[in-house]
Amino acid sequence: MLSTYWPRLYEQFPDFQFVLYDDEQDDVLAEGQTVPCSWDGATSSLGPGIDDTMMRAFALAFGFGSLIAPVRPN
């Protein structure tokens, strides 16, 4: 499902995508993709999201040795 909507992030929500860039090294250090949404503030109304099994499979598929991911909004 993510692959269906991912390409539209840059077209529909360009102001919500960001890059952490190192000018001295001329390198992209990180990227973040976000979308605006409405939320009533109750954790019970949040969707199921992407679980750790999916994240683990993603990391393995790309050959990552480690994966660091936030587990909830801060």
C-alpha atoms as a PDB file:
ATOM      1  CA  MET A   1       0.000   0.000   0.000  1.00  0.00           C
ATOM      2  CA  LEU A   2       2.849   2.411   0.741  1.00  0.00           C
ATOM      3  CA  SER A   3       4.234   2.035  -2.765  1.00  0.00           C
ATOM      4  CA  THR A   4       0.902   3.162  -4.198  1.00  0.00           C
ATOM      5  CA  TYR A   5       1.027   6.589  -2.560  1.00  0.00           C
ATOM      6  CA  TRP A   6       4.759   7.181  -2.029  1.00  0.00           C
ATOM      7  CA  PRO A   7       5.434   8.900  -5.390  1.00  0.00           C
ATOM      8  CA  ARG A   8       2.657  11.401  -4.653  1.00  0.00           C
ATOM      9  CA  LEU A   9       4.391  12.739  -1.515  1.00  0.00           C
ATOM     10  CA  TYR A  10       6.607  15.086  -3.498  1.00  0.00           C
ATOM     11  CA  GLU A  11       3.775  16.207  -5.790  1.00  0.00           C
ATOM     12  CA  GLN A  12       1.037  16.766  -3.207  1.00  0.00           C
ATOM     13  CA  PHE A  13       3.007  17.577  -0.050  1.00  0.00           C
ATOM     14  CA  PRO A  14       6.382  19.029  -1.091  1.00  0.00           C
ATOM     15  CA  ASP A  15       6.571  21.345   1.933  1.00  0.00           C
ATOM     16  CA  PHE A  16       6.419  18.366   4.310  1.00  0.00           C
ATOM     17  CA  GLN A  17       9.446  16.488   2.893  1.00  0.00           C
ATOM     18  CA  PHE A  18      12.865  17.318   4.273  1.00  0.00           C
ATOM     19  CA  VAL A  19      16.557  16.510   3.896  1.00  0.00           C
ATOM     20  CA  LEU A  20      19.387  16.815   6.411  1.00  0.00           C
ATOM     21  CA  TYR A  21      22.369  17.942   4.378  1.00  0.00           C
ATOM     22  CA  ASP A  22      26.054  18.348   5.252  1.00  0.00           C
ATOM     23  CA  ASP A  23      27.348  21.338   3.274  1.00  0.00           C
ATOM     24  CA  GLU A  24      30.985  20.655   4.105  1.00  0.00           C
ATOM     25  CA  GLN A  25      30.924  17.064   2.867  1.00  0.00           C
ATOM     26  CA  ASP A  26      28.309  17.734   0.165  1.00  0.00           C
ATOM     27  CA  ASP A  27      26.324  14.743   1.432  1.00  0.00           C
ATOM     28  CA  VAL A  28      22.713  13.968   2.213  1.00  0.00           C
ATOM     29  CA  LEU A  29      22.699  12.576   5.769  1.00  0.00           C
ATOM     30  CA  ALA A  30      19.012  11.768   6.157  1.00  0.00           C
ATOM     31  CA  GLU A  31      15.601  12.255   4.585  1.00  0.00           C
ATOM     32  CA  GLY A  32      12.200  12.515   6.156  1.00  0.00           C
ATOM     33  CA  GLN A  33       8.863  12.092   4.482  1.00  0.00           C
ATOM     34  CA  THR A  34       5.762  13.330   6.286  1.00  0.00           C
ATOM     35  CA  VAL A  35       2.175  14.267   5.518  1.00  0.00           C
ATOM     36  CA  PRO A  36      -0.219  16.529   7.363  1.00  0.00           C
ATOM     37  CA  CYS A  37      -3.120  14.795   9.061  1.00  0.00           C
ATOM     38  CA  SER A  38      -5.816  15.456  11.594  1.00  0.00           C
ATOM     39  CA  TRP A  39      -5.793  13.533  14.871  1.00  0.00           C
ATOM     40  CA  ASP A  40      -7.979  13.730  17.948  1.00  0.00           C
ATOM     41  CA  GLY A  41      -5.019  13.156  20.291  1.00  0.00           C
ATOM     42  CA  ALA A  42      -6.137   9.716  21.492  1.00  0.00           C
ATOM     43  CA  THR A  43      -3.673   6.870  20.913  1.00  0.00           C
ATOM     44  CA  SER A  44      -6.616   4.505  20.483  1.00  0.00           C
ATOM     45  CA  SER A  45      -7.563   6.314  17.269  1.00  0.00           C
ATOM     46  CA  LEU A  46      -4.156   5.788  15.642  1.00  0.00           C
ATOM     47  CA  GLY A  47      -3.964   3.196  12.895  1.00  0.00           C
ATOM     48  CA  PRO A  48      -1.938  -0.003  13.163  1.00  0.00           C
ATOM     49  CA  GLY A  49       1.046   1.513  11.325  1.00  0.00           C
ATOM     50  CA  ILE A  50       4.020  -0.542  10.262  1.00  0.00           C
ATOM     51  CA  ASP A  51       4.889  -3.249  12.750  1.00  0.00           C
ATOM     52  CA  ASP A  52       8.339  -4.471  13.723  1.00  0.00           C
ATOM     53  CA  THR A  53       8.011  -7.563  11.522  1.00  0.00           C
ATOM     54  CA  MET A  54       7.564  -5.394   8.433  1.00  0.00           C
ATOM     55  CA  MET A  55      10.448  -3.128   9.439  1.00  0.00           C
ATOM     56  CA  ARG A  56      12.710  -6.116  10.069  1.00  0.00           C
ATOM     57  CA  ALA A  57      11.835  -7.607   6.671  1.00  0.00           C
ATOM     58  CA  PHE A  58      12.505  -4.262   4.993  1.00  0.00           C
ATOM     59  CA  ALA A  59      15.923  -3.952   6.660  1.00  0.00           C
ATOM     60  CA  LEU A  60      16.889  -7.510   5.705  1.00  0.00           C
ATOM     61  CA  ALA A  61      15.714  -7.068   2.111  1.00  0.00           C
ATOM     62  CA  PHE A  62      18.066  -4.112   1.704  1.00  0.00           C
ATOM     63  CA  GLY A  63      20.943  -5.774   3.522  1.00  0.00           C
ATOM     64  CA  PHE A  64      20.984  -3.353   6.457  1.00  0.00           C
ATOM     65  CA  GLY A  65      22.930  -4.556   9.481  1.00  0.00           C
ATOM     66  CA  SER A  66      20.944  -2.325  11.861  1.00  0.00           C
ATOM     67  CA  LEU A  67      17.679  -0.457  11.939  1.00  0.00           C
ATOM     68  CA  ILE A  68      16.751   2.472  14.159  1.00  0.00           C
ATOM     69  CA  ALA A  69      13.109   3.552  14.042  1.00  0.00           C
ATOM     70  CA  PRO A  70      10.907   5.707  16.262  1.00  0.00           C
ATOM     71  CA  VAL A  71       8.212   3.724  18.007  1.00  0.00           C
ATOM     72  CA  ARG A  72       5.770   6.541  18.651  1.00  0.00           C
ATOM     73  CA  PRO A  73       5.357  10.268  17.988  1.00  0.00           C
ATOM     74  CA  ASN A  74       7.343  12.455  20.367  1.00  0.00           C
END
